[in-house]
Amino acid sequence: MCDITPMARLSLLKTIVRIAGGLSVLMLPAACARPITTKVTRFSAWTAAAAGGTFSFATAADQANDLEQSTYESYVGPELQKLGLRPAAAGQVDRTQVNVMADNRIKEKIYGEAVYQDAYV
């Protein structure tokens, strides 16, 4: 059997507490990470009459130069072309208007917490 002195046990316990404290500090930023959610509507059946038609994006004026908006439109455009639609030329009347909305609202929740002024509580 191995005999461990009380001082060695205390030193081992301090080391374990330091490691656990260090790991908890490293894991703290992970608790603050926010998830990224995306809602996508997908059409499973496209009418045959739509093939060969034209499309354009109905972009709001305040999102015309928005990087996120233009990125999503660049993802949707090629997929519509795979379905047989063509981008409408400038000034041409389009058959289908596509509305892609990119939203980055943040919801903040505030919780009340009791604060005690008494040092004995």
PDB file of N, CA and C in Angstrom:
ATOM      1  N   MET A   1       0.815  -1.178   0.000  1.00  0.00           N
ATOM      2  CA  MET A   1       0.000   0.000   0.000  1.00  0.00           C
ATOM      3  C   MET A   1       0.864   1.249   0.000  1.00  0.00           C
ATOM      4  N   CYS A   2       0.304   2.259  -0.547  1.00  0.00           N
ATOM      5  CA  CYS A   2       1.035   3.513  -0.679  1.00  0.00           C
ATOM      6  C   CYS A   2       0.518   4.486   0.377  1.00  0.00           C
ATOM      7  N   ASP A   3       1.411   4.964   1.208  1.00  0.00           N
ATOM      8  CA  ASP A   3       1.023   5.933   2.238  1.00  0.00           C
ATOM      9  C   ASP A   3       1.283   7.334   1.722  1.00  0.00           C
ATOM     10  N   ILE A   4       0.244   8.181   1.774  1.00  0.00           N
ATOM     11  CA  ILE A   4       0.364   9.568   1.341  1.00  0.00           C
ATOM     12  C   ILE A   4       0.281  10.435   2.579  1.00  0.00           C
ATOM     13  N   THR A   5       1.210  11.322   2.706  1.00  0.00           N
ATOM     14  CA  THR A   5       1.231  12.199   3.875  1.00  0.00           C
ATOM     15  C   THR A   5       0.123  13.225   3.750  1.00  0.00           C
ATOM     16  N   PRO A   6      -0.323  13.773   4.877  1.00  0.00           N
ATOM     17  CA  PRO A   6      -1.363  14.812   4.829  1.00  0.00           C
ATOM     18  C   PRO A   6      -0.951  16.031   3.991  1.00  0.00           C
ATOM     19  N   MET A   7       0.322  16.385   3.992  1.00  0.00           N
ATOM     20  CA  MET A   7       0.785  17.532   3.190  1.00  0.00           C
ATOM     21  C   MET A   7       0.688  17.215   1.693  1.00  0.00           C
ATOM     22  N   ALA A   8       0.997  15.954   1.343  1.00  0.00           N
ATOM     23  CA  ALA A   8       0.898  15.561  -0.062  1.00  0.00           C
ATOM     24  C   ALA A   8      -0.554  15.546  -0.507  1.00  0.00           C
ATOM     25  N   ARG A   9      -1.466  15.115   0.356  1.00  0.00           N
ATOM     26  CA  ARG A   9      -2.894  15.134   0.041  1.00  0.00           C
ATOM     27  C   ARG A   9      -3.379  16.557  -0.169  1.00  0.00           C
ATOM     28  N   LEU A  10      -2.948  17.461   0.707  1.00  0.00           N
ATOM     29  CA  LEU A  10      -3.341  18.864   0.598  1.00  0.00           C
ATOM     30  C   LEU A  10      -2.815  19.469  -0.701  1.00  0.00           C
ATOM     31  N   SER A  11      -1.581  19.135  -1.061  1.00  0.00           N
ATOM     32  CA  SER A  11      -1.000  19.635  -2.306  1.00  0.00           C
ATOM     33  C   SER A  11      -1.760  19.093  -3.516  1.00  0.00           C
ATOM     34  N   LEU A  12      -2.121  17.807  -3.453  1.00  0.00           N
ATOM     35  CA  LEU A  12      -2.886  17.194  -4.546  1.00  0.00           C
ATOM     36  C   LEU A  12      -4.260  17.843  -4.675  1.00  0.00           C
ATOM     37  N   LEU A  13      -4.914  18.093  -3.533  1.00  0.00           N
ATOM     38  CA  LEU A  13      -6.228  18.740  -3.538  1.00  0.00           C
ATOM     39  C   LEU A  13      -6.148  20.145  -4.123  1.00  0.00           C
ATOM     40  N   LYS A  14      -5.103  20.905  -3.761  1.00  0.00           N
ATOM     41  CA  LYS A  14      -4.932  22.256  -4.317  1.00  0.00           C
ATOM     42  C   LYS A  14      -4.744  22.198  -5.833  1.00  0.00           C
ATOM     43  N   THR A  15      -3.987  21.224  -6.315  1.00  0.00           N
ATOM     44  CA  THR A  15      -3.758  21.074  -7.749  1.00  0.00           C
ATOM     45  C   THR A  15      -5.057  20.762  -8.477  1.00  0.00           C
ATOM     46  N   ILE A  16      -5.868  19.877  -7.900  1.00  0.00           N
ATOM     47  CA  ILE A  16      -7.151  19.522  -8.518  1.00  0.00           C
ATOM     48  C   ILE A  16      -8.070  20.738  -8.570  1.00  0.00           C
ATOM     49  N   VAL A  17      -8.107  21.520  -7.479  1.00  0.00           N
ATOM     50  CA  VAL A  17      -8.951  22.718  -7.440  1.00  0.00           C
ATOM     51  C   VAL A  17      -8.480  23.733  -8.484  1.00  0.00           C
ATOM     52  N   ARG A  18      -7.178  23.890  -8.650  1.00  0.00           N
ATOM     53  CA  ARG A  18      -6.648  24.834  -9.646  1.00  0.00           C
ATOM     54  C   ARG A  18      -7.019  24.398 -11.062  1.00  0.00           C
ATOM     55  N   ILE A  19      -6.900  23.101 -11.334  1.00  0.00           N
ATOM     56  CA  ILE A  19      -7.244  22.599 -12.667  1.00  0.00           C
ATOM     57  C   ILE A  19      -8.730  22.784 -12.942  1.00  0.00           C
ATOM     58  N   ALA A  20      -9.577  22.454 -11.949  1.00  0.00           N
ATOM     59  CA  ALA A  20     -11.019  22.621 -12.126  1.00  0.00           C
ATOM     60  C   ALA A  20     -11.381  24.090 -12.324  1.00  0.00           C
ATOM     61  N   GLY A  21     -10.739  24.976 -11.577  1.00  0.00           N
ATOM     62  CA  GLY A  21     -10.989  26.411 -11.738  1.00  0.00           C
ATOM     63  C   GLY A  21     -10.572  26.907 -13.103  1.00  0.00           C
ATOM     64  N   GLY A  22      -9.404  26.441 -13.567  1.00  0.00           N
ATOM     65  CA  GLY A  22      -8.933  26.837 -14.897  1.00  0.00           C
ATOM     66  C   GLY A  22      -9.854  26.352 -16.006  1.00  0.00           C
ATOM     67  N   LEU A  23     -10.351  25.114 -15.891  1.00  0.00           N
ATOM     68  CA  LEU A  23     -11.280  24.595 -16.892  1.00  0.00           C
ATOM     69  C   LEU A  23     -12.597  25.358 -16.897  1.00  0.00           C
ATOM     70  N   SER A  24     -13.083  25.720 -15.709  1.00  0.00           N
ATOM     71  CA  SER A  24     -14.348  26.459 -15.671  1.00  0.00           C
ATOM     72  C   SER A  24     -14.195  27.846 -16.294  1.00  0.00           C
ATOM     73  N   VAL A  25     -13.026  28.478 -16.124  1.00  0.00           N
ATOM     74  CA  VAL A  25     -12.787  29.783 -16.746  1.00  0.00           C
ATOM     75  C   VAL A  25     -12.717  29.639 -18.265  1.00  0.00           C
ATOM     76  N   LEU A  26     -12.134  28.548 -18.745  1.00  0.00           N
ATOM     77  CA  LEU A  26     -12.061  28.332 -20.186  1.00  0.00           C
ATOM     78  C   LEU A  26     -13.419  28.028 -20.794  1.00  0.00           C
ATOM     79  N   MET A  27     -14.308  27.410 -20.033  1.00  0.00           N
ATOM     80  CA  MET A  27     -15.619  27.051 -20.546  1.00  0.00           C
ATOM     81  C   MET A  27     -16.624  28.199 -20.443  1.00  0.00           C
ATOM     82  N   LEU A  28     -16.306  29.242 -19.704  1.00  0.00           N
ATOM     83  CA  LEU A  28     -17.226  30.369 -19.509  1.00  0.00           C
ATOM     84  C   LEU A  28     -17.630  31.053 -20.809  1.00  0.00           C
ATOM     85  N   PRO A  29     -16.724  31.339 -21.766  1.00  0.00           N
ATOM     86  CA  PRO A  29     -17.172  31.975 -23.016  1.00  0.00           C
ATOM     87  C   PRO A  29     -18.143  31.114 -23.815  1.00  0.00           C
ATOM     88  N   ALA A  30     -18.038  29.803 -23.698  1.00  0.00           N
ATOM     89  CA  ALA A  30     -18.953  28.932 -24.435  1.00  0.00           C
ATOM     90  C   ALA A  30     -20.382  29.088 -23.935  1.00  0.00           C
ATOM     91  N   ALA A  31     -20.556  29.436 -22.673  1.00  0.00           N
ATOM     92  CA  ALA A  31     -21.899  29.628 -22.118  1.00  0.00           C
ATOM     93  C   ALA A  31     -22.547  30.895 -22.660  1.00  0.00           C
ATOM     94  N   CYS A  32     -21.766  31.829 -23.152  1.00  0.00           N
ATOM     95  CA  CYS A  32     -22.303  33.100 -23.654  1.00  0.00           C
ATOM     96  C   CYS A  32     -22.536  33.095 -25.162  1.00  0.00           C
ATOM     97  N   ALA A  33     -22.184  32.037 -25.842  1.00  0.00           N
ATOM     98  CA  ALA A  33     -22.336  31.985 -27.296  1.00  0.00           C
ATOM     99  C   ALA A  33     -23.811  31.945 -27.673  1.00  0.00           C
ATOM    100  N   ARG A  34     -24.164  32.669 -28.705  1.00  0.00           N
ATOM    101  CA  ARG A  34     -25.546  32.704 -29.176  1.00  0.00           C
ATOM    102  C   ARG A  34     -25.698  31.789 -30.379  1.00  0.00           C
ATOM    103  N   PRO A  35     -26.794  31.060 -30.452  1.00  0.00           N
ATOM    104  CA  PRO A  35     -26.995  30.193 -31.617  1.00  0.00           C
ATOM    105  C   PRO A  35     -27.414  31.017 -32.835  1.00  0.00           C
ATOM    106  N   ILE A  36     -27.108  30.511 -34.001  1.00  0.00           N
ATOM    107  CA  ILE A  36     -27.520  31.134 -35.256  1.00  0.00           C
ATOM    108  C   ILE A  36     -28.677  30.306 -35.801  1.00  0.00           C
ATOM    109  N   THR A  37     -29.806  30.949 -36.021  1.00  0.00           N
ATOM    110  CA  THR A  37     -30.971  30.234 -36.522  1.00  0.00           C
ATOM    111  C   THR A  37     -31.316  30.735 -37.919  1.00  0.00           C
ATOM    112  N   THR A  38     -31.788  29.840 -38.737  1.00  0.00           N
ATOM    113  CA  THR A  38     -32.195  30.178 -40.094  1.00  0.00           C
ATOM    114  C   THR A  38     -33.503  29.480 -40.400  1.00  0.00           C
ATOM    115  N   LYS A  39     -34.456  30.203 -40.961  1.00  0.00           N
ATOM    116  CA  LYS A  39     -35.726  29.622 -41.380  1.00  0.00           C
ATOM    117  C   LYS A  39     -35.757  29.629 -42.901  1.00  0.00           C
ATOM    118  N   VAL A  40     -35.959  28.484 -43.488  1.00  0.00           N
ATOM    119  CA  VAL A  40     -35.958  28.355 -44.946  1.00  0.00           C
ATOM    120  C   VAL A  40     -37.265  27.724 -45.382  1.00  0.00           C
ATOM    121  N   THR A  41     -37.911  28.324 -46.368  1.00  0.00           N
ATOM    122  CA  THR A  41     -39.100  27.738 -46.965  1.00  0.00           C
ATOM    123  C   THR A  41     -38.674  27.086 -48.261  1.00  0.00           C
ATOM    124  N   ARG A  42     -39.055  25.851 -48.426  1.00  0.00           N
ATOM    125  CA  ARG A  42     -38.634  25.105 -49.605  1.00  0.00           C
ATOM    126  C   ARG A  42     -39.869  24.623 -50.358  1.00  0.00           C
ATOM    127  N   PHE A  43     -39.845  24.797 -51.656  1.00  0.00           N
ATOM    128  CA  PHE A  43     -40.936  24.336 -52.492  1.00  0.00           C
ATOM    129  C   PHE A  43     -40.579  22.968 -53.041  1.00  0.00           C
ATOM    130  N   SER A  44     -41.463  21.994 -52.842  1.00  0.00           N
ATOM    131  CA  SER A  44     -41.157  20.645 -53.309  1.00  0.00           C
ATOM    132  C   SER A  44     -41.688  20.400 -54.723  1.00  0.00           C
ATOM    133  N   ALA A  45     -42.658  21.156 -55.161  1.00  0.00           N
ATOM    134  CA  ALA A  45     -43.224  20.954 -56.503  1.00  0.00           C
ATOM    135  C   ALA A  45     -43.287  22.313 -57.213  1.00  0.00           C
ATOM    136  N   TRP A  46     -42.603  22.422 -58.339  1.00  0.00           N
ATOM    137  CA  TRP A  46     -42.594  23.644 -59.127  1.00  0.00           C
ATOM    138  C   TRP A  46     -43.427  23.372 -60.366  1.00  0.00           C
ATOM    139  N   THR A  47     -44.315  24.255 -60.698  1.00  0.00           N
ATOM    140  CA  THR A  47     -45.194  24.016 -61.845  1.00  0.00           C
ATOM    141  C   THR A  47     -44.391  24.039 -63.144  1.00  0.00           C
ATOM    142  N   ALA A  48     -44.782  23.203 -64.073  1.00  0.00           N
ATOM    143  CA  ALA A  48     -44.089  23.112 -65.358  1.00  0.00           C
ATOM    144  C   ALA A  48     -44.262  24.395 -66.163  1.00  0.00           C
ATOM    145  N   ALA A  49     -45.363  25.112 -65.937  1.00  0.00           N
ATOM    146  CA  ALA A  49     -45.614  26.343 -66.680  1.00  0.00           C
ATOM    147  C   ALA A  49     -44.646  27.454 -66.296  1.00  0.00           C
ATOM    148  N   ALA A  50     -44.018  27.334 -65.132  1.00  0.00           N
ATOM    149  CA  ALA A  50     -43.093  28.375 -64.685  1.00  0.00           C
ATOM    150  C   ALA A  50     -41.749  28.293 -65.385  1.00  0.00           C
ATOM    151  N   ALA A  51     -41.396  27.139 -65.908  1.00  0.00           N
ATOM    152  CA  ALA A  51     -40.104  26.973 -66.585  1.00  0.00           C
ATOM    153  C   ALA A  51     -40.023  27.898 -67.785  1.00  0.00           C
ATOM    154  N   GLY A  52     -38.881  28.548 -67.928  1.00  0.00           N
ATOM    155  CA  GLY A  52     -38.685  29.483 -69.028  1.00  0.00           C
ATOM    156  C   GLY A  52     -39.109  30.893 -68.687  1.00  0.00           C
ATOM    157  N   GLY A  53     -39.761  31.079 -67.579  1.00  0.00           N
ATOM    158  CA  GLY A  53     -40.172  32.412 -67.154  1.00  0.00           C
ATOM    159  C   GLY A  53     -39.001  33.190 -66.575  1.00  0.00           C
ATOM    160  N   THR A  54     -39.250  34.430 -66.224  1.00  0.00           N
ATOM    161  CA  THR A  54     -38.206  35.286 -65.677  1.00  0.00           C
ATOM    162  C   THR A  54     -38.509  35.584 -64.211  1.00  0.00           C
ATOM    163  N   PHE A  55     -37.470  35.950 -63.485  1.00  0.00           N
ATOM    164  CA  PHE A  55     -37.627  36.314 -62.079  1.00  0.00           C
ATOM    165  C   PHE A  55     -36.760  37.516 -61.759  1.00  0.00           C
ATOM    166  N   SER A  56     -37.156  38.213 -60.723  1.00  0.00           N
ATOM    167  CA  SER A  56     -36.345  39.295 -60.181  1.00  0.00           C
ATOM    168  C   SER A  56     -36.555  39.319 -58.673  1.00  0.00           C
ATOM    169  N   PHE A  57     -35.640  39.952 -57.983  1.00  0.00           N
ATOM    170  CA  PHE A  57     -35.725  40.040 -56.526  1.00  0.00           C
ATOM    171  C   PHE A  57     -36.429  41.331 -56.133  1.00  0.00           C
ATOM    172  N   ALA A  58     -37.387  41.210 -55.239  1.00  0.00           N
ATOM    173  CA  ALA A  58     -38.095  42.372 -54.705  1.00  0.00           C
ATOM    174  C   ALA A  58     -37.375  42.789 -53.424  1.00  0.00           C
ATOM    175  N   THR A  59     -36.385  43.641 -53.567  1.00  0.00           N
ATOM    176  CA  THR A  59     -35.565  44.068 -52.440  1.00  0.00           C
ATOM    177  C   THR A  59     -36.038  45.426 -51.955  1.00  0.00           C
ATOM    178  N   ALA A  60     -36.204  45.557 -50.644  1.00  0.00           N
ATOM    179  CA  ALA A  60     -36.609  46.841 -50.068  1.00  0.00           C
ATOM    180  C   ALA A  60     -35.491  47.864 -50.267  1.00  0.00           C
ATOM    181  N   ALA A  61     -35.858  49.132 -50.338  1.00  0.00           N
ATOM    182  CA  ALA A  61     -34.881  50.192 -50.591  1.00  0.00           C
ATOM    183  C   ALA A  61     -33.808  50.257 -49.508  1.00  0.00           C
ATOM    184  N   ASP A  62     -34.184  49.997 -48.247  1.00  0.00           N
ATOM    185  CA  ASP A  62     -33.202  50.082 -47.165  1.00  0.00           C
ATOM    186  C   ASP A  62     -32.248  48.888 -47.143  1.00  0.00           C
ATOM    187  N   GLN A  63     -32.559  47.831 -47.919  1.00  0.00           N
ATOM    188  CA  GLN A  63     -31.681  46.661 -47.971  1.00  0.00           C
ATOM    189  C   GLN A  63     -30.982  46.528 -49.319  1.00  0.00           C
ATOM    190  N   ALA A  64     -31.055  47.530 -50.145  1.00  0.00           N
ATOM    191  CA  ALA A  64     -30.486  47.441 -51.493  1.00  0.00           C
ATOM    192  C   ALA A  64     -28.975  47.239 -51.470  1.00  0.00           C
ATOM    193  N   ASN A  65     -28.282  47.850 -50.540  1.00  0.00           N
ATOM    194  CA  ASN A  65     -26.820  47.730 -50.465  1.00  0.00           C
ATOM    195  C   ASN A  65     -26.373  46.900 -49.270  1.00  0.00           C
ATOM    196  N   ASP A  66     -27.261  46.092 -48.724  1.00  0.00           N
ATOM    197  CA  ASP A  66     -26.954  45.277 -47.556  1.00  0.00           C
ATOM    198  C   ASP A  66     -26.196  44.022 -47.990  1.00  0.00           C
ATOM    199  N   LEU A  67     -25.044  43.778 -47.380  1.00  0.00           N
ATOM    200  CA  LEU A  67     -24.205  42.645 -47.754  1.00  0.00           C
ATOM    201  C   LEU A  67     -24.892  41.310 -47.489  1.00  0.00           C
ATOM    202  N   GLU A  68     -25.566  41.198 -46.361  1.00  0.00           N
ATOM    203  CA  GLU A  68     -26.250  39.942 -46.037  1.00  0.00           C
ATOM    204  C   GLU A  68     -27.375  39.659 -47.031  1.00  0.00           C
ATOM    205  N   GLN A  69     -28.128  40.691 -47.374  1.00  0.00           N
ATOM    206  CA  GLN A  69     -29.228  40.542 -48.331  1.00  0.00           C
ATOM    207  C   GLN A  69     -28.700  40.093 -49.692  1.00  0.00           C
ATOM    208  N   SER A  70     -27.663  40.744 -50.184  1.00  0.00           N
ATOM    209  CA  SER A  70     -27.127  40.388 -51.502  1.00  0.00           C
ATOM    210  C   SER A  70     -26.497  38.989 -51.490  1.00  0.00           C
ATOM    211  N   THR A  71     -25.950  38.572 -50.358  1.00  0.00           N
ATOM    212  CA  THR A  71     -25.383  37.226 -50.264  1.00  0.00           C
ATOM    213  C   THR A  71     -26.475  36.177 -50.394  1.00  0.00           C
ATOM    214  N   TYR A  72     -27.584  36.355 -49.687  1.00  0.00           N
ATOM    215  CA  TYR A  72     -28.687  35.397 -49.787  1.00  0.00           C
ATOM    216  C   TYR A  72     -29.292  35.388 -51.195  1.00  0.00           C
ATOM    217  N   GLU A  73     -29.400  36.550 -51.811  1.00  0.00           N
ATOM    218  CA  GLU A  73     -29.919  36.599 -53.179  1.00  0.00           C
ATOM    219  C   GLU A  73     -28.985  35.871 -54.142  1.00  0.00           C
ATOM    220  N   SER A  74     -27.672  35.952 -53.886  1.00  0.00           N
ATOM    221  CA  SER A  74     -26.733  35.238 -54.754  1.00  0.00           C
ATOM    222  C   SER A  74     -26.808  33.727 -54.546  1.00  0.00           C
ATOM    223  N   TYR A  75     -27.323  33.271 -53.414  1.00  0.00           N
ATOM    224  CA  TYR A  75     -27.551  31.836 -53.192  1.00  0.00           C
ATOM    225  C   TYR A  75     -28.845  31.368 -53.857  1.00  0.00           C
ATOM    226  N   VAL A  76     -29.874  32.193 -53.803  1.00  0.00           N
ATOM    227  CA  VAL A  76     -31.192  31.808 -54.316  1.00  0.00           C
ATOM    228  C   VAL A  76     -31.233  31.880 -55.839  1.00  0.00           C
ATOM    229  N   GLY A  77     -30.588  32.876 -56.438  1.00  0.00           N
ATOM    230  CA  GLY A  77     -30.632  33.060 -57.890  1.00  0.00           C
ATOM    231  C   GLY A  77     -30.208  31.833 -58.692  1.00  0.00           C
ATOM    232  N   PRO A  78     -29.048  31.247 -58.436  1.00  0.00           N
ATOM    233  CA  PRO A  78     -28.647  30.053 -59.192  1.00  0.00           C
ATOM    234  C   PRO A  78     -29.585  28.859 -58.988  1.00  0.00           C
ATOM    235  N   GLU A  79     -30.171  28.745 -57.818  1.00  0.00           N
ATOM    236  CA  GLU A  79     -31.110  27.641 -57.576  1.00  0.00           C
ATOM    237  C   GLU A  79     -32.371  27.814 -58.416  1.00  0.00           C
ATOM    238  N   LEU A  80     -32.827  29.061 -58.578  1.00  0.00           N
ATOM    239  CA  LEU A  80     -33.993  29.321 -59.435  1.00  0.00           C
ATOM    240  C   LEU A  80     -33.655  29.048 -60.895  1.00  0.00           C
ATOM    241  N   GLN A  81     -32.429  29.339 -61.285  1.00  0.00           N
ATOM    242  CA  GLN A  81     -32.020  29.063 -62.662  1.00  0.00           C
ATOM    243  C   GLN A  81     -31.958  27.557 -62.929  1.00  0.00           C
ATOM    244  N   LYS A  82     -31.625  26.774 -61.912  1.00  0.00           N
ATOM    245  CA  LYS A  82     -31.633  25.318 -62.065  1.00  0.00           C
ATOM    246  C   LYS A  82     -33.051  24.795 -62.304  1.00  0.00           C
ATOM    247  N   LEU A  83     -34.055  25.540 -61.810  1.00  0.00           N
ATOM    248  CA  LEU A  83     -35.449  25.156 -62.004  1.00  0.00           C
ATOM    249  C   LEU A  83     -35.996  25.610 -63.353  1.00  0.00           C
ATOM    250  N   GLY A  84     -35.210  26.338 -64.130  1.00  0.00           N
ATOM    251  CA  GLY A  84     -35.642  26.741 -65.461  1.00  0.00           C
ATOM    252  C   GLY A  84     -36.024  28.207 -65.573  1.00  0.00           C
ATOM    253  N   LEU A  85     -35.901  28.980 -64.528  1.00  0.00           N
ATOM    254  CA  LEU A  85     -36.193  30.415 -64.606  1.00  0.00           C
ATOM    255  C   LEU A  85     -34.952  31.176 -65.041  1.00  0.00           C
ATOM    256  N   ARG A  86     -35.181  32.342 -65.642  1.00  0.00           N
ATOM    257  CA  ARG A  86     -34.089  33.205 -66.074  1.00  0.00           C
ATOM    258  C   ARG A  86     -34.189  34.529 -65.331  1.00  0.00           C
ATOM    259  N   PRO A  87     -33.059  35.148 -65.036  1.00  0.00           N
ATOM    260  CA  PRO A  87     -33.126  36.484 -64.426  1.00  0.00           C
ATOM    261  C   PRO A  87     -33.715  37.481 -65.430  1.00  0.00           C
ATOM    262  N   ALA A  88     -34.586  38.335 -64.965  1.00  0.00           N
ATOM    263  CA  ALA A  88     -35.206  39.337 -65.845  1.00  0.00           C
ATOM    264  C   ALA A  88     -34.189  40.414 -66.185  1.00  0.00           C
ATOM    265  N   ALA A  89     -34.190  40.828 -67.429  1.00  0.00           N
ATOM    266  CA  ALA A  89     -33.296  41.904 -67.863  1.00  0.00           C
ATOM    267  C   ALA A  89     -33.811  43.226 -67.314  1.00  0.00           C
ATOM    268  N   ALA A  90     -32.941  44.209 -67.265  1.00  0.00           N
ATOM    269  CA  ALA A  90     -33.321  45.525 -66.758  1.00  0.00           C
ATOM    270  C   ALA A  90     -34.441  46.102 -67.617  1.00  0.00           C
ATOM    271  N   GLY A  91     -35.526  46.522 -66.994  1.00  0.00           N
ATOM    272  CA  GLY A  91     -36.667  47.096 -67.699  1.00  0.00           C
ATOM    273  C   GLY A  91     -37.662  46.072 -68.190  1.00  0.00           C
ATOM    274  N   GLN A  92     -37.338  44.797 -68.098  1.00  0.00           N
ATOM    275  CA  GLN A  92     -38.241  43.742 -68.552  1.00  0.00           C
ATOM    276  C   GLN A  92     -39.215  43.389 -67.424  1.00  0.00           C
ATOM    277  N   VAL A  93     -40.451  43.071 -67.799  1.00  0.00           N
ATOM    278  CA  VAL A  93     -41.458  42.668 -66.817  1.00  0.00           C
ATOM    279  C   VAL A  93     -41.172  41.213 -66.445  1.00  0.00           C
ATOM    280  N   ASP A  94     -41.041  40.971 -65.156  1.00  0.00           N
ATOM    281  CA  ASP A  94     -40.740  39.612 -64.712  1.00  0.00           C
ATOM    282  C   ASP A  94     -42.018  38.852 -64.405  1.00  0.00           C
ATOM    283  N   ARG A  95     -41.934  37.549 -64.512  1.00  0.00           N
ATOM    284  CA  ARG A  95     -43.087  36.706 -64.215  1.00  0.00           C
ATOM    285  C   ARG A  95     -43.181  36.405 -62.719  1.00  0.00           C
ATOM    286  N   THR A  96     -42.033  36.250 -62.082  1.00  0.00           N
ATOM    287  CA  THR A  96     -42.003  35.897 -60.663  1.00  0.00           C
ATOM    288  C   THR A  96     -41.132  36.887 -59.910  1.00  0.00           C
ATOM    289  N   GLN A  97     -41.661  37.412 -58.827  1.00  0.00           N
ATOM    290  CA  GLN A  97     -40.870  38.265 -57.951  1.00  0.00           C
ATOM    291  C   GLN A  97     -40.493  37.451 -56.723  1.00  0.00           C
ATOM    292  N   VAL A  98     -39.220  37.450 -56.403  1.00  0.00           N
ATOM    293  CA  VAL A  98     -38.702  36.684 -55.275  1.00  0.00           C
ATOM    294  C   VAL A  98     -38.368  37.650 -54.150  1.00  0.00           C
ATOM    295  N   ASN A  99     -38.867  37.336 -52.967  1.00  0.00           N
ATOM    296  CA  ASN A  99     -38.605  38.170 -51.796  1.00  0.00           C
ATOM    297  C   ASN A  99     -37.776  37.365 -50.816  1.00  0.00           C
ATOM    298  N   VAL A 100     -36.522  37.756 -50.669  1.00  0.00           N
ATOM    299  CA  VAL A 100     -35.620  37.127 -49.713  1.00  0.00           C
ATOM    300  C   VAL A 100     -35.401  38.123 -48.594  1.00  0.00           C
ATOM    301  N   MET A 101     -35.703  37.712 -47.372  1.00  0.00           N
ATOM    302  CA  MET A 101     -35.550  38.622 -46.234  1.00  0.00           C
ATOM    303  C   MET A 101     -34.453  38.112 -45.310  1.00  0.00           C
ATOM    304  N   ALA A 102     -33.480  38.960 -45.053  1.00  0.00           N
ATOM    305  CA  ALA A 102     -32.422  38.654 -44.096  1.00  0.00           C
ATOM    306  C   ALA A 102     -32.679  39.512 -42.863  1.00  0.00           C
ATOM    307  N   ASP A 103     -32.816  38.864 -41.735  1.00  0.00           N
ATOM    308  CA  ASP A 103     -33.160  39.579 -40.510  1.00  0.00           C
ATOM    309  C   ASP A 103     -32.139  39.225 -39.444  1.00  0.00           C
ATOM    310  N   ASN A 104     -31.647  40.214 -38.741  1.00  0.00           N
ATOM    311  CA  ASN A 104     -30.660  39.953 -37.703  1.00  0.00           C
ATOM    312  C   ASN A 104     -31.050  40.620 -36.381  1.00  0.00           C
ATOM    313  N   ARG A 105     -32.310  40.483 -36.027  1.00  0.00           N
ATOM    314  CA  ARG A 105     -32.765  41.039 -34.758  1.00  0.00           C
ATOM    315  C   ARG A 105     -32.196  40.248 -33.592  1.00  0.00           C
ATOM    316  N   ILE A 106     -31.886  40.951 -32.534  1.00  0.00           N
ATOM    317  CA  ILE A 106     -31.387  40.321 -31.320  1.00  0.00           C
ATOM    318  C   ILE A 106     -32.421  40.527 -30.220  1.00  0.00           C
ATOM    319  N   LYS A 107     -32.784  39.444 -29.571  1.00  0.00           N
ATOM    320  CA  LYS A 107     -33.722  39.535 -28.460  1.00  0.00           C
ATOM    321  C   LYS A 107     -32.934  39.520 -27.164  1.00  0.00           C
ATOM    322  N   GLU A 108     -33.210  40.485 -26.327  1.00  0.00           N
ATOM    323  CA  GLU A 108     -32.498  40.575 -25.064  1.00  0.00           C
ATOM    324  C   GLU A 108     -33.473  40.324 -23.932  1.00  0.00           C
ATOM    325  N   LYS A 109     -33.075  39.460 -23.029  1.00  0.00           N
ATOM    326  CA  LYS A 109     -33.903  39.161 -21.868  1.00  0.00           C
ATOM    327  C   LYS A 109     -33.165  39.618 -20.622  1.00  0.00           C
ATOM    328  N   ILE A 110     -33.879  40.300 -19.755  1.00  0.00           N
ATOM    329  CA  ILE A 110     -33.294  40.790 -18.511  1.00  0.00           C
ATOM    330  C   ILE A 110     -34.037  40.133 -17.354  1.00  0.00           C
ATOM    331  N   TYR A 111     -33.281  39.568 -16.459  1.00  0.00           N
ATOM    332  CA  TYR A 111     -33.858  38.904 -15.297  1.00  0.00           C
ATOM    333  C   TYR A 111     -33.493  39.687 -14.041  1.00  0.00           C
ATOM    334  N   GLY A 112     -34.469  39.847 -13.150  1.00  0.00           N
ATOM    335  CA  GLY A 112     -34.221  40.518 -11.884  1.00  0.00           C
ATOM    336  C   GLY A 112     -33.524  39.582 -10.905  1.00  0.00           C
ATOM    337  N   GLU A 113     -32.626  40.127 -10.127  1.00  0.00           N
ATOM    338  CA  GLU A 113     -31.893  39.337  -9.155  1.00  0.00           C
ATOM    339  C   GLU A 113     -31.854  40.102  -7.847  1.00  0.00           C
ATOM    340  N   ALA A 114     -32.143  39.411  -6.765  1.00  0.00           N
ATOM    341  CA  ALA A 114     -32.158  40.064  -5.450  1.00  0.00           C
ATOM    342  C   ALA A 114     -30.731  40.396  -5.019  1.00  0.00           C
ATOM    343  N   VAL A 115     -30.580  41.581  -4.446  1.00  0.00           N
ATOM    344  CA  VAL A 115     -29.279  42.015  -3.937  1.00  0.00           C
ATOM    345  C   VAL A 115     -29.457  42.299  -2.457  1.00  0.00           C
ATOM    346  N   TYR A 116     -28.638  41.668  -1.648  1.00  0.00           N
ATOM    347  CA  TYR A 116     -28.729  41.837  -0.195  1.00  0.00           C
ATOM    348  C   TYR A 116     -27.612  42.772   0.268  1.00  0.00           C
ATOM    349  N   GLN A 117     -27.988  43.746   1.065  1.00  0.00           N
ATOM    350  CA  GLN A 117     -27.017  44.688   1.599  1.00  0.00           C
ATOM    351  C   GLN A 117     -26.434  44.209   2.924  1.00  0.00           C
ATOM    352  N   ASP A 118     -27.124  43.303   3.580  1.00  0.00           N
ATOM    353  CA  ASP A 118     -26.685  42.826   4.882  1.00  0.00           C
ATOM    354  C   ASP A 118     -25.523  41.846   4.698  1.00  0.00           C
ATOM    355  N   ALA A 119     -24.431  42.063   5.369  1.00  0.00           N
ATOM    356  CA  ALA A 119     -23.254  41.213   5.231  1.00  0.00           C
ATOM    357  C   ALA A 119     -23.446  39.849   5.867  1.00  0.00           C
ATOM    358  N   TYR A 120     -24.439  39.680   6.748  1.00  0.00           N
ATOM    359  CA  TYR A 120     -24.651  38.414   7.441  1.00  0.00           C
ATOM    360  C   TYR A 120     -25.566  37.463   6.705  1.00  0.00           C
ATOM    361  N   VAL A 121     -26.178  37.924   5.621  1.00  0.00           N
ATOM    362  CA  VAL A 121     -27.105  37.068   4.890  1.00  0.00           C
ATOM    363  C   VAL A 121     -26.358  36.262   3.873  1.00  0.00           C
TER     364      VAL A 121
END
